[in-house]
All heavy atoms as atom14 arrays in JSON, in Angstrom:
{
  "sequence": "KAHQAIALLVKRGTVRVILTTNFDRLMEQALAEE",
  "atom14_mask": [
    [1, 1, 1, 1, 1, 1, 1, 1, 1, 0, 0, 0, 0, 0],
    [1, 1, 1, 1, 1, 0, 0, 0, 0, 0, 0, 0, 0, 0],
    [1, 1, 1, 1, 1, 1, 1, 1, 1, 1, 0, 0, 0, 0],
    [1, 1, 1, 1, 1, 1, 1, 1, 1, 0, 0, 0, 0, 0],
    [1, 1, 1, 1, 1, 0, 0, 0, 0, 0, 0, 0, 0, 0],
    [1, 1, 1, 1, 1, 1, 1, 1, 0, 0, 0, 0, 0, 0],
    [1, 1, 1, 1, 1, 0, 0, 0, 0, 0, 0, 0, 0, 0],
    [1, 1, 1, 1, 1, 1, 1, 1, 0, 0, 0, 0, 0, 0],
    [1, 1, 1, 1, 1, 1, 1, 1, 0, 0, 0, 0, 0, 0],
    [1, 1, 1, 1, 1, 1, 1, 0, 0, 0, 0, 0, 0, 0],
    [1, 1, 1, 1, 1, 1, 1, 1, 1, 0, 0, 0, 0, 0],
    [1, 1, 1, 1, 1, 1, 1, 1, 1, 1, 1, 0, 0, 0],
    [1, 1, 1, 1, 0, 0, 0, 0, 0, 0, 0, 0, 0, 0],
    [1, 1, 1, 1, 1, 1, 1, 0, 0, 0, 0, 0, 0, 0],
    [1, 1, 1, 1, 1, 1, 1, 0, 0, 0, 0, 0, 0, 0],
    [1, 1, 1, 1, 1, 1, 1, 1, 1, 1, 1, 0, 0, 0],
    [1, 1, 1, 1, 1, 1, 1, 0, 0, 0, 0, 0, 0, 0],
    [1, 1, 1, 1, 1, 1, 1, 1, 0, 0, 0, 0, 0, 0],
    [1, 1, 1, 1, 1, 1, 1, 1, 0, 0, 0, 0, 0, 0],
    [1, 1, 1, 1, 1, 1, 1, 0, 0, 0, 0, 0, 0, 0],
    [1, 1, 1, 1, 1, 1, 1, 0, 0, 0, 0, 0, 0, 0],
    [1, 1, 1, 1, 1, 1, 1, 1, 0, 0, 0, 0, 0, 0],
    [1, 1, 1, 1, 1, 1, 1, 1, 1, 1, 1, 0, 0, 0],
    [1, 1, 1, 1, 1, 1, 1, 1, 0, 0, 0, 0, 0, 0],
    [1, 1, 1, 1, 1, 1, 1, 1, 1, 1, 1, 0, 0, 0],
    [1, 1, 1, 1, 1, 1, 1, 1, 0, 0, 0, 0, 0, 0],
    [1, 1, 1, 1, 1, 1, 1, 1, 0, 0, 0, 0, 0, 0],
    [1, 1, 1, 1, 1, 1, 1, 1, 1, 0, 0, 0, 0, 0],
    [1, 1, 1, 1, 1, 1, 1, 1, 1, 0, 0, 0, 0, 0],
    [1, 1, 1, 1, 1, 0, 0, 0, 0, 0, 0, 0, 0, 0],
    [1, 1, 1, 1, 1, 1, 1, 1, 0, 0, 0, 0, 0, 0],
    [1, 1, 1, 1, 1, 0, 0, 0, 0, 0, 0, 0, 0, 0],
    [1, 1, 1, 1, 1, 1, 1, 1, 1, 0, 0, 0, 0, 0],
    [1, 1, 1, 1, 1, 1, 1, 1, 1, 0, 0, 0, 0, 0]
  ],
  "atom14_positions": [
    [[-3.38, 8.59, 4.83], [-4.19, 7.59, 5.56], [-4.62, 6.52, 4.59], [-4.82, 5.38, 4.93], [-5.4, 8.25, 6.26], [-5.01, 9.09, 7.38], [-6.17, 9.8, 8.0], [-5.82, 10.71, 9.19], [-6.98, 11.4, 9.79], [0.0, 0.0, 0.0], [0.0, 0.0, 0.0], [0.0, 0.0, 0.0], [0.0, 0.0, 0.0], [0.0, 0.0, 0.0]],
    [[-4.89, 6.91, 3.3], [-5.29, 5.93, 2.29], [-4.14, 4.98, 2.01], [-4.41, 3.76, 1.97], [-5.62, 6.69, 1.02], [0.0, 0.0, 0.0], [0.0, 0.0, 0.0], [0.0, 0.0, 0.0], [0.0, 0.0, 0.0], [0.0, 0.0, 0.0], [0.0, 0.0, 0.0], [0.0, 0.0, 0.0], [0.0, 0.0, 0.0], [0.0, 0.0, 0.0]],
    [[-2.89, 5.41, 1.89], [-1.79, 4.6, 1.73], [-1.68, 3.53, 2.89], [-1.51, 2.39, 2.66], [-0.45, 5.35, 1.67], [-0.24, 6.16, 0.42], [-0.26, 7.53, 0.41], [-0.01, 5.81, -0.88], [-0.09, 7.97, -0.74], [0.03, 6.91, -1.58], [0.0, 0.0, 0.0], [0.0, 0.0, 0.0], [0.0, 0.0, 0.0], [0.0, 0.0, 0.0]],
    [[-1.86, 4.08, 4.11], [-1.69, 3.22, 5.28], [-2.88, 2.23, 5.33], [-2.61, 1.09, 5.73], [-1.72, 4.14, 6.46], [-0.51, 4.99, 6.63], [-0.57, 6.2, 7.61], [-1.64, 6.46, 8.01], [0.55, 6.84, 7.88], [0.0, 0.0, 0.0], [0.0, 0.0, 0.0], [0.0, 0.0, 0.0], [0.0, 0.0, 0.0], [0.0, 0.0, 0.0]],
    [[-4.04, 2.62, 4.92], [-5.23, 1.7, 5.01], [-5.05, 0.61, 3.96], [-5.35, -0.6, 4.22], [-6.49, 2.47, 4.8], [0.0, 0.0, 0.0], [0.0, 0.0, 0.0], [0.0, 0.0, 0.0], [0.0, 0.0, 0.0], [0.0, 0.0, 0.0], [0.0, 0.0, 0.0], [0.0, 0.0, 0.0], [0.0, 0.0, 0.0], [0.0, 0.0, 0.0]],
    [[-4.51, 0.93, 2.75], [-4.28, 0.01, 1.73], [-3.25, -1.06, 2.24], [-3.35, -2.22, 1.97], [-3.82, 0.73, 0.4], [-4.92, 1.41, -0.17], [-3.34, -0.37, -0.64], [-4.61, 2.39, -1.28], [0.0, 0.0, 0.0], [0.0, 0.0, 0.0], [0.0, 0.0, 0.0], [0.0, 0.0, 0.0], [0.0, 0.0, 0.0], [0.0, 0.0, 0.0]],
    [[-2.17, -0.52, 2.88], [-1.13, -1.4, 3.46], [-1.83, -2.39, 4.42], [-1.41, -3.55, 4.41], [-0.02, -0.56, 4.13], [0.0, 0.0, 0.0], [0.0, 0.0, 0.0], [0.0, 0.0, 0.0], [0.0, 0.0, 0.0], [0.0, 0.0, 0.0], [0.0, 0.0, 0.0], [0.0, 0.0, 0.0], [0.0, 0.0, 0.0], [0.0, 0.0, 0.0]],
    [[-2.67, -1.98, 5.21], [-3.43, -2.87, 6.16], [-4.22, -3.88, 5.38], [-4.29, -5.06, 5.78], [-4.23, -2.1, 7.12], [-3.51, -1.26, 8.12], [-4.49, -0.38, 8.95], [-2.8, -2.13, 9.1], [0.0, 0.0, 0.0], [0.0, 0.0, 0.0], [0.0, 0.0, 0.0], [0.0, 0.0, 0.0], [0.0, 0.0, 0.0], [0.0, 0.0, 0.0]],
    [[-4.85, -3.5, 4.28], [-5.58, -4.45, 3.49], [-4.68, -5.51, 2.79], [-5.02, -6.69, 2.69], [-6.39, -3.64, 2.38], [-7.44, -2.77, 2.87], [-8.03, -1.93, 1.65], [-8.61, -3.62, 3.45], [0.0, 0.0, 0.0], [0.0, 0.0, 0.0], [0.0, 0.0, 0.0], [0.0, 0.0, 0.0], [0.0, 0.0, 0.0], [0.0, 0.0, 0.0]],
    [[-3.44, -5.03, 2.43], [-2.46, -6.01, 1.97], [-2.01, -6.99, 3.09], [-2.07, -8.18, 2.89], [-1.22, -5.28, 1.42], [-0.12, -6.28, 1.12], [-1.51, -4.45, 0.16], [0.0, 0.0, 0.0], [0.0, 0.0, 0.0], [0.0, 0.0, 0.0], [0.0, 0.0, 0.0], [0.0, 0.0, 0.0], [0.0, 0.0, 0.0], [0.0, 0.0, 0.0]],
    [[-1.8, -6.4, 4.29], [-1.4, -7.29, 5.41], [-2.47, -8.27, 5.75], [-2.2, -9.44, 6.1], [-1.15, -6.38, 6.62], [-0.51, -7.05, 7.77], [-0.14, -5.98, 8.9], [0.67, -6.61, 9.98], [1.06, -5.66, 11.0], [0.0, 0.0, 0.0], [0.0, 0.0, 0.0], [0.0, 0.0, 0.0], [0.0, 0.0, 0.0], [0.0, 0.0, 0.0]],
    [[-3.76, -7.91, 5.55], [-4.9, -8.78, 5.8], [-5.0, -9.84, 4.79], [-5.61, -10.92, 4.98], [-6.2, -7.93, 5.9], [-7.45, -8.72, 6.18], [-8.63, -7.79, 6.08], [-9.85, -8.43, 6.49], [-10.57, -9.15, 5.69], [-10.33, -9.2, 4.38], [-11.67, -9.82, 6.07], [0.0, 0.0, 0.0], [0.0, 0.0, 0.0], [0.0, 0.0, 0.0]],
    [[-4.41, -9.55, 3.62], [-4.57, -10.56, 2.46], [-5.65, -10.17, 1.51], [-5.92, -10.97, 0.57], [0.0, 0.0, 0.0], [0.0, 0.0, 0.0], [0.0, 0.0, 0.0], [0.0, 0.0, 0.0], [0.0, 0.0, 0.0], [0.0, 0.0, 0.0], [0.0, 0.0, 0.0], [0.0, 0.0, 0.0], [0.0, 0.0, 0.0], [0.0, 0.0, 0.0]],
    [[-6.31, -9.1, 1.7], [-7.47, -8.65, 0.82], [-6.98, -8.14, -0.52], [-7.51, -8.4, -1.53], [-8.27, -7.62, 1.55], [-8.74, -8.25, 2.8], [-9.52, -7.26, 0.75], [0.0, 0.0, 0.0], [0.0, 0.0, 0.0], [0.0, 0.0, 0.0], [0.0, 0.0, 0.0], [0.0, 0.0, 0.0], [0.0, 0.0, 0.0], [0.0, 0.0, 0.0]],
    [[-5.89, -7.4, -0.4], [-5.3, -6.73, -1.59], [-3.96, -7.44, -1.9], [-3.14, -7.6, -1.02], [-5.13, -5.21, -1.4], [-4.28, -4.57, -2.59], [-6.44, -4.56, -1.3], [0.0, 0.0, 0.0], [0.0, 0.0, 0.0], [0.0, 0.0, 0.0], [0.0, 0.0, 0.0], [0.0, 0.0, 0.0], [0.0, 0.0, 0.0], [0.0, 0.0, 0.0]],
    [[-3.8, -7.86, -3.14], [-2.53, -8.54, -3.56], [-1.75, -7.76, -4.61], [-0.57, -7.91, -4.72], [-2.81, -9.91, -4.15], [-3.58, -10.84, -3.18], [-2.71, -11.5, -2.09], [-1.63, -12.21, -2.75], [-1.7, -13.46, -3.13], [-2.84, -14.17, -3.05], [-0.61, -14.05, -3.66], [0.0, 0.0, 0.0], [0.0, 0.0, 0.0], [0.0, 0.0, 0.0]],
    [[-2.51, -6.98, -5.42], [-1.83, -6.27, -6.54], [-2.32, -4.82, -6.44], [-3.46, -4.54, -6.27], [-2.25, -6.8, -7.86], [-1.6, -6.05, -9.11], [-1.87, -8.33, -8.03], [0.0, 0.0, 0.0], [0.0, 0.0, 0.0], [0.0, 0.0, 0.0], [0.0, 0.0, 0.0], [0.0, 0.0, 0.0], [0.0, 0.0, 0.0], [0.0, 0.0, 0.0]],
    [[-1.31, -3.92, -6.57], [-1.6, -2.47, -6.58], [-1.1, -1.86, -7.88], [0.14, -1.99, -8.15], [-0.96, -1.8, -5.34], [-1.45, -2.39, -4.05], [-1.16, -0.24, -5.42], [-0.74, -1.95, -2.83], [0.0, 0.0, 0.0], [0.0, 0.0, 0.0], [0.0, 0.0, 0.0], [0.0, 0.0, 0.0], [0.0, 0.0, 0.0], [0.0, 0.0, 0.0]],
    [[-2.0, -1.24, -8.61], [-1.59, -0.53, -9.77], [-1.5, 0.99, -9.48], [-2.49, 1.45, -8.9], [-2.61, -0.77, -10.9], [-2.86, -2.14, -11.5], [-3.95, -2.23, -12.46], [-1.55, -2.74, -12.0], [0.0, 0.0, 0.0], [0.0, 0.0, 0.0], [0.0, 0.0, 0.0], [0.0, 0.0, 0.0], [0.0, 0.0, 0.0], [0.0, 0.0, 0.0]],
    [[-0.49, 1.66, -9.83], [-0.4, 3.1, -9.57], [0.13, 3.85, -10.78], [1.05, 3.27, -11.45], [0.39, 3.38, -8.28], [0.4, 4.82, -8.13], [1.82, 2.94, -8.36], [0.0, 0.0, 0.0], [0.0, 0.0, 0.0], [0.0, 0.0, 0.0], [0.0, 0.0, 0.0], [0.0, 0.0, 0.0], [0.0, 0.0, 0.0], [0.0, 0.0, 0.0]],
    [[-0.32, 5.0, -11.02], [0.26, 5.83, -12.06], [1.2, 6.9, -11.4], [1.7, 7.72, -12.11], [-0.87, 6.6, -12.86], [-1.7, 7.34, -11.96], [-1.74, 5.56, -13.61], [0.0, 0.0, 0.0], [0.0, 0.0, 0.0], [0.0, 0.0, 0.0], [0.0, 0.0, 0.0], [0.0, 0.0, 0.0], [0.0, 0.0, 0.0], [0.0, 0.0, 0.0]],
    [[1.41, 6.84, -10.11], [2.3, 7.85, -9.46], [3.73, 7.39, -9.56], [4.12, 6.24, -9.51], [1.84, 7.89, -7.99], [0.44, 8.41, -7.8], [-0.02, 9.11, -8.72], [-0.08, 8.27, -6.67], [0.0, 0.0, 0.0], [0.0, 0.0, 0.0], [0.0, 0.0, 0.0], [0.0, 0.0, 0.0], [0.0, 0.0, 0.0], [0.0, 0.0, 0.0]],
    [[4.58, 8.4, -9.58], [6.03, 8.2, -9.61], [6.64, 7.95, -8.18], [7.78, 7.51, -8.06], [6.79, 9.39, -10.26], [6.23, 9.69, -11.59], [5.86, 10.99, -11.92], [6.19, 8.77, -12.63], [5.45, 11.35, -13.14], [5.82, 9.07, -13.91], [5.41, 10.36, -14.19], [0.0, 0.0, 0.0], [0.0, 0.0, 0.0], [0.0, 0.0, 0.0]],
    [[5.91, 8.48, -7.16], [6.5, 8.44, -5.81], [6.61, 7.1, -5.23], [6.18, 6.1, -5.84], [5.72, 9.37, -4.9], [4.23, 8.92, -4.76], [4.08, 7.76, -4.4], [3.28, 9.79, -4.98], [0.0, 0.0, 0.0], [0.0, 0.0, 0.0], [0.0, 0.0, 0.0], [0.0, 0.0, 0.0], [0.0, 0.0, 0.0], [0.0, 0.0, 0.0]],
    [[7.14, 7.02, -3.97], [7.31, 5.79, -3.33], [6.53, 5.67, -2.01], [6.85, 4.94, -1.1], [8.85, 5.53, -2.99], [9.67, 5.4, -4.31], [11.08, 5.15, -4.02], [11.68, 4.71, -5.29], [12.96, 4.41, -5.37], [13.77, 4.47, -4.28], [13.51, 4.07, -6.51], [0.0, 0.0, 0.0], [0.0, 0.0, 0.0], [0.0, 0.0, 0.0]],
    [[5.42, 6.43, -1.97], [4.63, 6.52, -0.75], [3.98, 5.21, -0.45], [3.88, 4.75, 0.69], [3.61, 7.64, -0.88], [4.22, 9.03, -0.93], [3.12, 10.1, -1.1], [5.07, 9.36, 0.33], [0.0, 0.0, 0.0], [0.0, 0.0, 0.0], [0.0, 0.0, 0.0], [0.0, 0.0, 0.0], [0.0, 0.0, 0.0], [0.0, 0.0, 0.0]],
    [[3.46, 4.43, -1.52], [2.83, 3.17, -1.27], [3.84, 2.21, -0.72], [3.48, 1.46, 0.21], [2.2, 2.65, -2.59], [1.32, 1.48, -2.45], [-0.27, 1.97, -1.53], [0.03, 1.09, 0.12], [0.0, 0.0, 0.0], [0.0, 0.0, 0.0], [0.0, 0.0, 0.0], [0.0, 0.0, 0.0], [0.0, 0.0, 0.0], [0.0, 0.0, 0.0]],
    [[5.0, 2.18, -1.31], [6.02, 1.26, -0.89], [6.4, 1.56, 0.6], [6.66, 0.63, 1.45], [7.28, 1.35, -1.75], [7.03, 0.8, -3.14], [6.71, 1.96, -4.15], [5.83, 2.68, -3.94], [7.5, 2.06, -5.11], [0.0, 0.0, 0.0], [0.0, 0.0, 0.0], [0.0, 0.0, 0.0], [0.0, 0.0, 0.0], [0.0, 0.0, 0.0]],
    [[6.49, 2.89, 0.94], [6.84, 3.29, 2.28], [5.75, 2.81, 3.26], [6.03, 2.3, 4.3], [7.03, 4.76, 2.32], [7.57, 5.27, 3.69], [7.72, 6.8, 3.63], [7.93, 7.38, 2.61], [7.66, 7.38, 4.76], [0.0, 0.0, 0.0], [0.0, 0.0, 0.0], [0.0, 0.0, 0.0], [0.0, 0.0, 0.0], [0.0, 0.0, 0.0]],
    [[4.49, 3.0, 2.91], [3.41, 2.59, 3.76], [3.39, 1.03, 4.0], [3.16, 0.55, 5.12], [2.03, 2.98, 3.23], [0.0, 0.0, 0.0], [0.0, 0.0, 0.0], [0.0, 0.0, 0.0], [0.0, 0.0, 0.0], [0.0, 0.0, 0.0], [0.0, 0.0, 0.0], [0.0, 0.0, 0.0], [0.0, 0.0, 0.0], [0.0, 0.0, 0.0]],
    [[3.73, 0.32, 2.92], [3.82, -1.13, 3.05], [5.01, -1.58, 3.95], [4.83, -2.47, 4.86], [3.97, -1.8, 1.66], [2.79, -1.74, 0.76], [3.22, -2.01, -0.68], [1.73, -2.72, 1.27], [0.0, 0.0, 0.0], [0.0, 0.0, 0.0], [0.0, 0.0, 0.0], [0.0, 0.0, 0.0], [0.0, 0.0, 0.0], [0.0, 0.0, 0.0]],
    [[6.12, -0.88, 3.83], [7.31, -1.13, 4.65], [6.96, -0.97, 6.14], [7.42, -1.67, 6.99], [8.47, -0.31, 4.16], [0.0, 0.0, 0.0], [0.0, 0.0, 0.0], [0.0, 0.0, 0.0], [0.0, 0.0, 0.0], [0.0, 0.0, 0.0], [0.0, 0.0, 0.0], [0.0, 0.0, 0.0], [0.0, 0.0, 0.0], [0.0, 0.0, 0.0]],
    [[6.19, 0.06, 6.44], [5.83, 0.4, 7.84], [4.96, -0.7, 8.41], [4.87, -0.87, 9.64], [5.08, 1.66, 7.89], [5.94, 2.93, 7.61], [5.19, 4.22, 7.39], [3.91, 4.25, 7.57], [5.84, 5.31, 7.14], [0.0, 0.0, 0.0], [0.0, 0.0, 0.0], [0.0, 0.0, 0.0], [0.0, 0.0, 0.0], [0.0, 0.0, 0.0]],
    [[4.36, -1.54, 7.55], [3.58, -2.7, 8.04], [4.38, -4.03, 7.92], [3.85, -5.06, 8.07], [2.32, -2.8, 7.3], [1.26, -1.77, 7.44], [0.81, -1.69, 8.99], [0.74, -2.76, 9.64], [0.52, -0.6, 9.5], [0.0, 0.0, 0.0], [0.0, 0.0, 0.0], [0.0, 0.0, 0.0], [0.0, 0.0, 0.0], [0.0, 0.0, 0.0]]
  ]
}
């Protein structure tokens, strides 16, 4: 749900840059879903 909410914040224009120390692609997947 956090990934999905961050993706919504990106869609809104509130978040422009995401720094992550994770190796996975969950953030990219959530963004693609939006």
